[in-house]
Amino acid sequence: MWGKSNLYQESVAIPLIMAGPGVSCGITETPVSLVDAYPTILDAVGVQDDDQSVSRPGTSLFGLARTAVDNERTVFSEYHAVAAESGGFMLRKGRWKYHYYVGFQPELFDLDEDPEEISDLASDPAFAPIVNEMHMALLSICDPEHIDKAAKRAQAALVESFGGREAARKVGAPGATPPPGQES
């Protein structure tokens, strides 16, 4: 399974290691995400974010490392790729992991019972309240349909800035290593 173009655990569950002055030894299981990088960097260099006009998500990892494990912390991720049929959005909160791909049925996984995300529970009526709760939590963060349309418009503009699809395909390194004996 190709795991870096989806929102399954093998793609989104990345171990994080911190070291440095004031960082004690230990392990925490509190979920974190890249939105925590900004406040962490500011915290590391002792700078305050004085721009109160902008609300930014995230929490300094230094603070999270010094507090009790928060398994209920909500973590959000999204994925957009040129030529992808749909933008992908993911929420993880506690044992639940919710995937929302625009235009497709959502997916719900119980990571405690199914850490490999084999059994999608979203279509099971018994889990409808959890699906609804997770979807409402996603909508409190963003409008997936709006974000997907905006991403596709930006991607189309980028492709056109290179002179169209065929010209853009010739820019940069190939997307994959060619097999032996084949030119890229």
C-alpha atoms as a PDB file:
ATOM      1  CA  MET A   1       0.000   0.000   0.000  1.00  0.00           C
ATOM      2  CA  TRP A   2       1.357   3.402  -0.949  1.00  0.00           C
ATOM      3  CA  GLY A   3       1.002   5.259   2.313  1.00  0.00           C
ATOM      4  CA  LYS A   4       2.096   8.843   1.759  1.00  0.00           C
ATOM      5  CA  SER A   5      -0.828  10.035  -0.325  1.00  0.00           C
ATOM      6  CA  ASN A   6      -3.563   9.252   2.170  1.00  0.00           C
ATOM      7  CA  LEU A   7      -4.411   9.875   5.797  1.00  0.00           C
ATOM      8  CA  TYR A   8      -3.895   6.410   7.258  1.00  0.00           C
ATOM      9  CA  GLN A   9      -1.629   5.950  10.268  1.00  0.00           C
ATOM     10  CA  GLU A  10       1.446   4.856   8.289  1.00  0.00           C
ATOM     11  CA  SER A  11       1.384   8.294   6.696  1.00  0.00           C
ATOM     12  CA  VAL A  12       0.263  10.599   9.496  1.00  0.00           C
ATOM     13  CA  ALA A  13       1.659   8.933  12.634  1.00  0.00           C
ATOM     14  CA  ILE A  14       5.197  10.262  12.667  1.00  0.00           C
ATOM     15  CA  PRO A  15       7.312   9.835  15.799  1.00  0.00           C
ATOM     16  CA  LEU A  16       8.676  13.081  17.167  1.00  0.00           C
ATOM     17  CA  ILE A  17      11.947  13.394  19.056  1.00  0.00           C
ATOM     18  CA  MET A  18      12.912  16.550  20.935  1.00  0.00           C
ATOM     19  CA  ALA A  19      16.224  17.323  22.565  1.00  0.00           C
ATOM     20  CA  GLY A  20      17.870  20.387  24.018  1.00  0.00           C
ATOM     21  CA  PRO A  21      18.221  22.519  27.112  1.00  0.00           C
ATOM     22  CA  GLY A  22      15.257  22.116  29.431  1.00  0.00           C
ATOM     23  CA  VAL A  23      13.938  19.039  27.629  1.00  0.00           C
ATOM     24  CA  SER A  24      13.758  16.165  30.076  1.00  0.00           C
ATOM     25  CA  CYS A  25      13.940  12.499  29.141  1.00  0.00           C
ATOM     26  CA  GLY A  26      10.659  10.726  28.723  1.00  0.00           C
ATOM     27  CA  ILE A  27       7.928   9.680  26.389  1.00  0.00           C
ATOM     28  CA  THR A  28       4.504  11.192  25.922  1.00  0.00           C
ATOM     29  CA  GLU A  29       1.649   9.778  23.894  1.00  0.00           C
ATOM     30  CA  THR A  30      -0.132  13.114  23.410  1.00  0.00           C
ATOM     31  CA  PRO A  31      -0.951  13.496  19.696  1.00  0.00           C
ATOM     32  CA  VAL A  32       0.718  16.472  18.012  1.00  0.00           C
ATOM     33  CA  SER A  33       0.816  17.883  14.486  1.00  0.00           C
ATOM     34  CA  LEU A  34       2.737  20.303  12.313  1.00  0.00           C
ATOM     35  CA  VAL A  35       0.559  23.197  13.483  1.00  0.00           C
ATOM     36  CA  ASP A  36       2.410  22.834  16.788  1.00  0.00           C
ATOM     37  CA  ALA A  37       5.725  23.720  15.089  1.00  0.00           C
ATOM     38  CA  TYR A  38       5.128  27.493  14.946  1.00  0.00           C
ATOM     39  CA  PRO A  39       4.434  28.009  18.673  1.00  0.00           C
ATOM     40  CA  THR A  40       7.233  25.546  19.504  1.00  0.00           C
ATOM     41  CA  ILE A  41       9.798  27.496  17.481  1.00  0.00           C
ATOM     42  CA  LEU A  42       8.711  30.761  19.096  1.00  0.00           C
ATOM     43  CA  ASP A  43       8.927  29.134  22.520  1.00  0.00           C
ATOM     44  CA  ALA A  44      12.386  27.691  21.767  1.00  0.00           C
ATOM     45  CA  VAL A  45      13.851  31.088  20.949  1.00  0.00           C
ATOM     46  CA  GLY A  46      11.954  32.957  23.647  1.00  0.00           C
ATOM     47  CA  VAL A  47       9.810  35.083  21.332  1.00  0.00           C
ATOM     48  CA  GLN A  48       6.184  35.975  21.990  1.00  0.00           C
ATOM     49  CA  ASP A  49       3.678  36.113  19.138  1.00  0.00           C
ATOM     50  CA  ASP A  50       2.392  39.639  19.654  1.00  0.00           C
ATOM     51  CA  ASP A  51       0.096  39.623  16.619  1.00  0.00           C
ATOM     52  CA  GLN A  52      -3.251  39.258  18.367  1.00  0.00           C
ATOM     53  CA  SER A  53      -5.110  40.003  15.119  1.00  0.00           C
ATOM     54  CA  VAL A  54      -4.476  36.457  13.902  1.00  0.00           C
ATOM     55  CA  SER A  55      -5.663  33.342  15.694  1.00  0.00           C
ATOM     56  CA  ARG A  56      -3.179  30.539  15.104  1.00  0.00           C
ATOM     57  CA  PRO A  57      -3.724  26.913  16.016  1.00  0.00           C
ATOM     58  CA  GLY A  58      -1.147  24.826  17.807  1.00  0.00           C
ATOM     59  CA  THR A  59       0.523  24.476  21.173  1.00  0.00           C
ATOM     60  CA  SER A  60       4.199  24.557  22.042  1.00  0.00           C
ATOM     61  CA  LEU A  61       5.571  21.040  22.236  1.00  0.00           C
ATOM     62  CA  PHE A  62       7.646  22.103  25.236  1.00  0.00           C
ATOM     63  CA  GLY A  63       4.438  22.725  27.175  1.00  0.00           C
ATOM     64  CA  LEU A  64       2.838  19.511  25.944  1.00  0.00           C
ATOM     65  CA  ALA A  65       5.911  17.508  26.970  1.00  0.00           C
ATOM     66  CA  ARG A  66       5.715  18.894  30.522  1.00  0.00           C
ATOM     67  CA  THR A  67       2.042  18.059  31.049  1.00  0.00           C
ATOM     68  CA  ALA A  68       0.098  14.856  31.526  1.00  0.00           C
ATOM     69  CA  VAL A  69      -0.740  12.821  28.447  1.00  0.00           C
ATOM     70  CA  ASP A  70      -3.803  14.211  26.685  1.00  0.00           C
ATOM     71  CA  ASN A  71      -5.171  11.351  24.581  1.00  0.00           C
ATOM     72  CA  GLU A  72      -8.289  13.398  23.817  1.00  0.00           C
ATOM     73  CA  ARG A  73      -6.360  16.202  22.091  1.00  0.00           C
ATOM     74  CA  THR A  74      -7.769  16.779  18.614  1.00  0.00           C
ATOM     75  CA  VAL A  75      -5.259  16.607  15.767  1.00  0.00           C
ATOM     76  CA  PHE A  76      -6.128  17.834  12.261  1.00  0.00           C
ATOM     77  CA  SER A  77      -4.429  17.161   8.949  1.00  0.00           C
ATOM     78  CA  GLU A  78      -5.235  17.793   5.322  1.00  0.00           C
ATOM     79  CA  TYR A  79      -3.819  16.593   2.020  1.00  0.00           C
ATOM     80  CA  HIS A  80      -4.026  18.140  -1.447  1.00  0.00           C
ATOM     81  CA  ALA A  81      -2.080  16.987  -4.474  1.00  0.00           C
ATOM     82  CA  VAL A  82      -2.081  18.149  -8.058  1.00  0.00           C
ATOM     83  CA  ALA A  83      -4.383  15.849 -10.034  1.00  0.00           C
ATOM     84  CA  ALA A  84      -5.824  14.257  -6.869  1.00  0.00           C
ATOM     85  CA  GLU A  85      -9.526  13.689  -7.278  1.00  0.00           C
ATOM     86  CA  SER A  86     -10.288  15.076  -3.835  1.00  0.00           C
ATOM     87  CA  GLY A  87      -8.805  16.963  -0.947  1.00  0.00           C
ATOM     88  CA  GLY A  88      -8.431  14.800   2.136  1.00  0.00           C
ATOM     89  CA  PHE A  89      -9.092  15.908   5.709  1.00  0.00           C
ATOM     90  CA  MET A  90      -8.427  13.978   8.902  1.00  0.00           C
ATOM     91  CA  LEU A  91      -9.319  14.410  12.539  1.00  0.00           C
ATOM     92  CA  ARG A  92      -8.006  12.288  15.336  1.00  0.00           C
ATOM     93  CA  LYS A  93      -9.489  12.597  18.793  1.00  0.00           C
ATOM     94  CA  GLY A  94      -8.923   9.961  21.422  1.00  0.00           C
ATOM     95  CA  ARG A  95      -9.553   6.544  20.003  1.00  0.00           C
ATOM     96  CA  TRP A  96     -11.392   7.887  16.941  1.00  0.00           C
ATOM     97  CA  LYS A  97      -9.917   8.727  13.568  1.00  0.00           C
ATOM     98  CA  TYR A  98     -12.133  10.392  10.948  1.00  0.00           C
ATOM     99  CA  HIS A  99     -11.256  10.769   7.260  1.00  0.00           C
ATOM    100  CA  TYR A 100     -13.207  13.073   4.983  1.00  0.00           C
ATOM    101  CA  TYR A 101     -12.465  13.100   1.254  1.00  0.00           C
ATOM    102  CA  VAL A 102     -14.584  15.665  -0.607  1.00  0.00           C
ATOM    103  CA  GLY A 103     -17.183  13.872  -2.735  1.00  0.00           C
ATOM    104  CA  PHE A 104     -16.776  10.506  -1.015  1.00  0.00           C
ATOM    105  CA  GLN A 105     -18.241   8.788   2.023  1.00  0.00           C
ATOM    106  CA  PRO A 106     -16.337   9.513   5.240  1.00  0.00           C
ATOM    107  CA  GLU A 107     -14.339   6.878   7.081  1.00  0.00           C
ATOM    108  CA  LEU A 108     -14.241   6.270  10.824  1.00  0.00           C
ATOM    109  CA  PHE A 109     -11.775   4.047  12.628  1.00  0.00           C
ATOM    110  CA  ASP A 110     -11.441   2.984  16.258  1.00  0.00           C
ATOM    111  CA  LEU A 111      -7.671   3.067  16.766  1.00  0.00           C
ATOM    112  CA  ASP A 112      -7.910   1.227  20.093  1.00  0.00           C
ATOM    113  CA  GLU A 113      -9.660  -1.779  18.528  1.00  0.00           C
ATOM    114  CA  ASP A 114      -8.341  -1.423  14.977  1.00  0.00           C
ATOM    115  CA  PRO A 115      -4.916   0.283  14.922  1.00  0.00           C
ATOM    116  CA  GLU A 116      -4.311  -0.855  11.310  1.00  0.00           C
ATOM    117  CA  GLU A 117      -7.514   0.932  10.157  1.00  0.00           C
ATOM    118  CA  ILE A 118      -8.948  -2.143   8.478  1.00  0.00           C
ATOM    119  CA  SER A 119     -12.595  -1.799   9.577  1.00  0.00           C
ATOM    120  CA  ASP A 120     -14.328   1.401   8.484  1.00  0.00           C
ATOM    121  CA  LEU A 121     -17.152   2.038  10.957  1.00  0.00           C
ATOM    122  CA  ALA A 122     -18.656   5.116   9.289  1.00  0.00           C
ATOM    123  CA  SER A 123     -21.518   3.287   7.571  1.00  0.00           C
ATOM    124  CA  ASP A 124     -22.514   1.365  10.712  1.00  0.00           C
ATOM    125  CA  PRO A 125     -25.602   3.097  12.216  1.00  0.00           C
ATOM    126  CA  ALA A 126     -24.299   2.374  15.722  1.00  0.00           C
ATOM    127  CA  PHE A 127     -21.444   4.816  15.060  1.00  0.00           C
ATOM    128  CA  ALA A 128     -23.541   7.586  13.435  1.00  0.00           C
ATOM    129  CA  PRO A 129     -23.328   9.831  16.540  1.00  0.00           C
ATOM    130  CA  ILE A 130     -19.516   9.619  16.503  1.00  0.00           C
ATOM    131  CA  VAL A 131     -19.375  10.274  12.750  1.00  0.00           C
ATOM    132  CA  ASN A 132     -21.605  13.326  13.263  1.00  0.00           C
ATOM    133  CA  GLU A 133     -19.534  14.569  16.212  1.00  0.00           C
ATOM    134  CA  MET A 134     -16.294  14.205  14.267  1.00  0.00           C
ATOM    135  CA  HIS A 135     -17.780  15.895  11.188  1.00  0.00           C
ATOM    136  CA  MET A 136     -19.020  18.831  13.262  1.00  0.00           C
ATOM    137  CA  ALA A 137     -15.535  19.116  14.789  1.00  0.00           C
ATOM    138  CA  LEU A 138     -14.053  19.175  11.269  1.00  0.00           C
ATOM    139  CA  LEU A 139     -16.479  21.903  10.200  1.00  0.00           C
ATOM    140  CA  SER A 140     -15.451  23.958  13.234  1.00  0.00           C
ATOM    141  CA  ILE A 141     -11.913  23.957  11.801  1.00  0.00           C
ATOM    142  CA  CYS A 142     -12.598  24.415   8.080  1.00  0.00           C
ATOM    143  CA  ASP A 143     -15.041  24.079   5.200  1.00  0.00           C
ATOM    144  CA  PRO A 144     -13.615  21.067   3.303  1.00  0.00           C
ATOM    145  CA  GLU A 145     -15.539  21.748   0.086  1.00  0.00           C
ATOM    146  CA  HIS A 146     -14.393  25.385  -0.028  1.00  0.00           C
ATOM    147  CA  ILE A 147     -10.770  24.453   0.772  1.00  0.00           C
ATOM    148  CA  ASP A 148     -10.810  21.713  -1.894  1.00  0.00           C
ATOM    149  CA  LYS A 149     -12.079  24.118  -4.581  1.00  0.00           C
ATOM    150  CA  ALA A 150      -9.496  26.738  -3.594  1.00  0.00           C
ATOM    151  CA  ALA A 151      -6.681  24.172  -3.704  1.00  0.00           C
ATOM    152  CA  LYS A 152      -7.747  22.986  -7.162  1.00  0.00           C
ATOM    153  CA  ARG A 153      -7.892  26.579  -8.442  1.00  0.00           C
ATOM    154  CA  ALA A 154      -4.399  27.264  -7.063  1.00  0.00           C
ATOM    155  CA  GLN A 155      -3.045  24.050  -8.566  1.00  0.00           C
ATOM    156  CA  ALA A 156      -4.565  24.829 -11.972  1.00  0.00           C
ATOM    157  CA  ALA A 157      -3.031  28.316 -11.879  1.00  0.00           C
ATOM    158  CA  LEU A 158       0.362  26.844 -11.013  1.00  0.00           C
ATOM    159  CA  VAL A 159       0.175  24.350 -13.879  1.00  0.00           C
ATOM    160  CA  GLU A 160      -0.806  27.162 -16.275  1.00  0.00           C
ATOM    161  CA  SER A 161       2.089  29.314 -15.019  1.00  0.00           C
ATOM    162  CA  PHE A 162       4.418  26.652 -16.435  1.00  0.00           C
ATOM    163  CA  GLY A 163       2.683  26.743 -19.799  1.00  0.00           C
ATOM    164  CA  GLY A 164       0.108  24.006 -19.335  1.00  0.00           C
ATOM    165  CA  ARG A 165       0.041  20.390 -18.252  1.00  0.00           C
ATOM    166  CA  GLU A 166       2.609  18.988 -20.698  1.00  0.00           C
ATOM    167  CA  ALA A 167       5.091  21.788 -20.017  1.00  0.00           C
ATOM    168  CA  ALA A 168       4.629  21.451 -16.248  1.00  0.00           C
ATOM    169  CA  ARG A 169       5.310  17.708 -16.429  1.00  0.00           C
ATOM    170  CA  LYS A 170       8.768  18.456 -17.838  1.00  0.00           C
ATOM    171  CA  VAL A 171       9.751  20.742 -14.947  1.00  0.00           C
ATOM    172  CA  GLY A 172      11.864  19.364 -12.100  1.00  0.00           C
ATOM    173  CA  ALA A 173      12.700  15.801 -11.232  1.00  0.00           C
ATOM    174  CA  PRO A 174      10.481  12.945 -12.394  1.00  0.00           C
ATOM    175  CA  GLY A 175       7.791  11.815  -9.982  1.00  0.00           C
ATOM    176  CA  ALA A 176       9.241   8.318  -9.778  1.00  0.00           C
ATOM    177  CA  THR A 177      12.479   6.520 -10.485  1.00  0.00           C
ATOM    178  CA  PRO A 178      12.366   4.914 -13.936  1.00  0.00           C
ATOM    179  CA  PRO A 179      13.030   1.183 -14.173  1.00  0.00           C
ATOM    180  CA  PRO A 180      16.517   0.090 -15.325  1.00  0.00           C
ATOM    181  CA  GLY A 181      17.052   0.645 -19.030  1.00  0.00           C
ATOM    182  CA  GLN A 182      14.361   3.348 -19.290  1.00  0.00           C
ATOM    183  CA  GLU A 183      15.002   7.067 -19.580  1.00  0.00           C
ATOM    184  CA  SER A 184      13.137   9.433 -17.311  1.00  0.00           C
END
